Protein backbone atom coordinates (compact mmCIF):
# COMPACT_ATOMS: atom_id res chain seq x y z
CA ASN A 1 127.41 85.45 87.37
CA HIS A 2 125.87 82.09 87.08
CA LEU A 3 122.13 81.40 87.61
CA CYS A 4 121.02 79.24 90.34
CA ILE A 5 118.66 78.06 92.69
CA ALA A 6 118.99 79.15 96.40
CA LYS A 7 117.47 79.02 99.88
CA SER A 8 116.67 82.38 101.22
CA GLU A 9 117.21 82.88 104.89
CA GLU A 10 114.12 85.29 105.12
CA ASP A 11 111.79 82.51 104.73
CA ASP A 12 113.68 79.19 104.22
CA GLN A 13 112.46 78.99 100.51
CA TRP A 14 114.08 78.26 97.31
CA TYR A 15 114.37 81.00 94.57
CA ARG A 16 115.95 81.66 91.42
CA ALA A 17 119.07 83.65 91.92
CA VAL A 18 122.31 84.75 90.37
CA CYS A 19 125.79 84.80 92.03
CA CYS A 20 127.22 88.20 92.28
CA LYS A 21 130.27 87.53 94.32
CA GLU A 22 132.14 84.55 96.00
CA LEU A 23 132.91 85.84 99.44
CA GLY A 24 135.17 82.94 100.65
CA ASP A 25 134.49 80.12 103.33
CA ASP A 26 131.91 78.62 100.53
CA ILE A 27 129.69 81.74 101.03
CA TYR A 28 128.39 83.75 98.16
CA GLU A 29 126.33 87.00 97.47
CA LEU A 30 123.39 86.26 95.59
CA MET A 31 120.68 88.20 94.15
CA PHE A 32 117.27 86.80 94.04
CA VAL A 33 116.34 87.72 90.41
CA ASP A 34 112.33 87.50 91.02
CA TYR A 35 112.76 90.20 93.94
CA GLY A 36 115.88 91.94 93.52
CA ASN A 37 117.11 91.58 96.89
CA VAL A 38 120.75 90.41 97.94
CA GLU A 39 121.64 87.86 100.68
CA LYS A 40 124.96 85.95 101.54
CA VAL A 41 124.10 82.43 101.05
CA SER A 42 126.22 79.20 102.11
CA ARG A 43 127.10 76.88 99.22
CA LYS A 44 125.12 73.85 100.65
CA HIS A 45 122.20 76.01 100.16
CA ILE A 46 122.88 76.64 96.26
CA MET A 47 121.81 74.36 93.42
CA HIS A 48 122.46 74.17 89.90
CA MET A 49 119.34 75.95 87.73
CA THR A 50 118.16 73.86 84.79
CA ASP A 51 116.86 75.37 81.63
CA GLU A 52 113.12 74.36 82.51
CA ILE A 53 113.00 76.63 85.59
CA MET A 54 114.24 79.55 83.35
CA GLN A 55 111.18 79.00 81.02
CA THR A 56 109.00 81.20 83.29
CA PRO A 57 109.95 84.80 82.85
CA ILE A 58 112.06 86.67 85.51
CA LEU A 59 109.56 88.78 87.48
CA ALA A 60 112.06 91.66 88.92
CA ASN A 61 112.87 94.67 86.19
CA HIS A 62 115.68 96.52 87.47
CA CYS A 63 114.74 100.38 87.65
CA VAL A 64 116.80 103.45 88.45
CA LEU A 65 115.18 106.79 89.32
CA GLU A 66 115.51 109.63 86.66
CA GLY A 67 118.63 111.74 87.72
CA PHE A 68 120.43 108.70 89.72
CA GLU A 69 122.05 107.06 86.74
CA ASP A 70 125.67 107.94 87.72
CA ALA A 71 127.00 104.34 88.76
CA THR A 72 130.05 106.04 90.22
CA LYS A 73 127.84 107.73 92.97
CA ARG A 74 125.49 104.58 93.83
CA GLU A 75 127.19 104.37 97.35
CA SER A 76 126.49 107.92 98.09
CA TYR A 77 122.89 107.49 96.82
CA GLN A 78 122.55 104.55 98.85
CA LYS A 79 123.64 106.46 102.02
CA MET A 80 121.53 109.35 101.50
CA PHE A 81 118.20 108.10 100.44
CA ALA A 82 118.08 104.13 101.51
CA ASP A 83 115.84 104.93 104.42
CA GLU A 84 113.44 107.17 102.62
CA ILE A 85 113.28 104.84 99.58
CA LYS A 86 112.37 101.84 101.93
CA LYS A 87 109.65 103.96 103.32
CA GLN A 88 108.43 105.34 100.19
CA LEU A 89 108.31 102.26 98.38
CA PRO A 90 107.51 99.33 100.59
CA ALA A 91 107.67 95.73 99.30
CA PHE A 92 104.56 94.31 97.59
CA GLU A 93 102.89 97.81 97.17
CA GLU A 94 101.46 98.81 93.97
CA THR A 95 102.60 102.14 92.61
CA ARG A 96 102.61 104.00 89.21
CA VAL A 97 105.85 104.66 87.08
CA VAL A 98 106.54 106.45 83.85
CA VAL A 99 109.39 104.73 81.98
CA LEU A 100 111.88 107.32 80.24
CA ASN A 101 114.37 105.27 79.03
CA LYS A 102 115.94 101.85 78.86
CA LEU A 103 119.96 101.61 79.06
CA PRO A 104 121.42 100.36 76.05
CA ASN A 105 122.63 96.48 76.05
CA THR A 106 120.77 96.18 79.65
CA SER A 107 117.47 95.43 81.05
CA THR A 108 117.78 98.58 83.13
CA PHE A 109 114.91 101.15 82.96
CA ILE A 110 115.40 104.73 83.92
CA VAL A 111 111.90 105.72 85.70
CA ARG A 112 109.89 108.60 87.19
CA ILE A 113 107.74 107.65 90.15
CA PRO A 114 105.27 110.59 90.45
CA SER A 115 104.44 109.75 93.94
CA ILE A 116 107.95 110.14 95.32
CA GLU A 117 109.77 112.71 93.21
CA LYS A 118 109.35 115.49 95.46
CA SER A 119 110.92 113.62 98.67
CA ILE A 120 113.52 111.72 96.55
CA ASN A 121 115.31 114.18 94.37
CA PRO A 122 118.77 113.66 92.80
CA ASN A 123 119.21 117.44 92.88
CA LEU A 124 119.34 117.34 96.80
CA ILE A 125 122.62 116.34 98.64
CA ILE A 126 122.88 115.92 102.43
CA LYS A 127 125.45 118.42 103.86
CA ASN A 128 125.82 119.25 107.43
CA ASP A 129 122.34 117.66 108.08
CA LYS A 130 120.73 120.14 105.63
CA MET A 131 119.56 119.60 102.00
CA VAL A 132 121.14 121.98 99.41
CA GLU A 133 120.84 122.28 95.70
CA GLN A 134 123.50 120.47 93.63
CA SER A 135 125.06 122.60 90.90
CA ASP A 136 123.43 123.05 87.53
CA SER A 137 126.55 121.49 85.78
CA ALA A 138 126.26 118.18 87.74
CA ARG A 139 122.38 118.20 87.14
CA SER A 140 122.32 118.76 83.48
CA ARG A 141 124.60 115.66 82.21
CA ASN A 142 122.90 113.67 79.49
CA VAL A 143 121.27 110.00 80.70
CA GLN A 144 122.98 108.43 77.65
CA ASP A 145 126.37 109.67 78.70
CA ARG A 146 126.00 107.54 82.10
CA LYS A 147 126.45 103.73 82.56
CA ILE A 148 125.03 101.36 85.01
CA GLU A 149 126.78 98.00 85.57
CA ALA A 150 124.80 94.77 84.87
CA MET A 151 125.05 92.07 87.56
CA PHE A 152 124.60 89.35 84.62
CA ASP A 153 123.88 88.91 81.32
CA TYR A 154 119.95 89.67 81.44
CA ASN A 155 119.69 89.53 77.68
CA LYS A 156 119.70 85.65 77.96
CA CYS A 157 116.65 85.77 80.23
CA ARG A 158 113.02 86.59 79.40
CA PHE A 159 111.22 89.16 81.61
CA THR A 160 107.62 89.97 82.55
CA GLU A 161 108.55 93.37 81.04
CA ILE A 162 107.29 96.72 81.69
CA LYS A 163 106.08 98.70 78.78
CA TYR A 164 108.69 100.90 77.06
CA ASP A 165 108.63 102.22 73.64
CA GLU A 166 111.80 104.07 72.55
CA ASN A 167 109.91 105.91 70.04
CA CYS A 168 107.53 107.30 72.28
CA LYS A 169 108.53 110.49 74.00
CA ASP A 170 105.64 110.73 76.54
CA SER A 171 105.23 107.15 78.05
CA PRO A 172 102.02 106.77 79.83
CA ALA A 173 102.31 105.82 83.47
CA GLN A 174 101.78 102.33 84.41
CA ASP A 175 100.91 100.07 87.46
CA VAL A 176 103.77 98.03 88.83
CA ILE A 177 104.28 96.27 92.17
CA ILE A 178 107.57 97.12 93.91
CA LEU A 179 109.36 93.92 94.58
CA HIS A 180 112.36 95.42 96.32
CA ALA A 181 113.80 98.69 96.78
CA ASP A 182 116.81 99.95 98.93
CA SER A 183 118.06 102.83 97.02
CA PRO A 184 117.34 105.09 94.05
CA THR A 185 119.54 102.91 91.82
CA GLN A 186 118.31 99.40 93.09
CA ILE A 187 114.33 99.48 92.64
CA PHE A 188 112.97 96.09 91.32
CA VAL A 189 109.50 96.00 89.83
CA CYS A 190 106.95 93.66 88.37
CA PRO A 191 104.18 94.86 85.98
CA THR A 192 100.71 94.42 87.38
């Protein structure tokens, strides 16, 4: 859970990251905090982050699609919807989101993305290569009762925050840039 600077294998550039897990043999699983992508990085490509580097707000805001808040089903959501999410939300494309909620004590937003809500629907599950409706009881659980695990203490960081007013029930749609999306529970956006 330490913030660091790490060299990405994708482009050989150095970026801000957080250490998610030590994998052994001096290899660490890191999440690049300005983009949301995760990579396995060798210790020799990781450096300590200074306070000055953290003066710039973090770009990536963690979002979860409405209806996909149940952290116990994260792996299932990934398997069922990863390909479609990547197709529908390509990196560095602009889209519109409606922020519905912010999970308490986290920097995770529950969002609706109107352009994809018909193709990525939490009320559908894959069974025998056919889509079927989930039961109403599974669908009706309250968002407040579900929890999402935070990767590190975002509360110590400054963000380029997307707009959210907890007192406003009808938040307007806002433009964001998709930084990284690989499942309904792992969407990272930056306000335009």
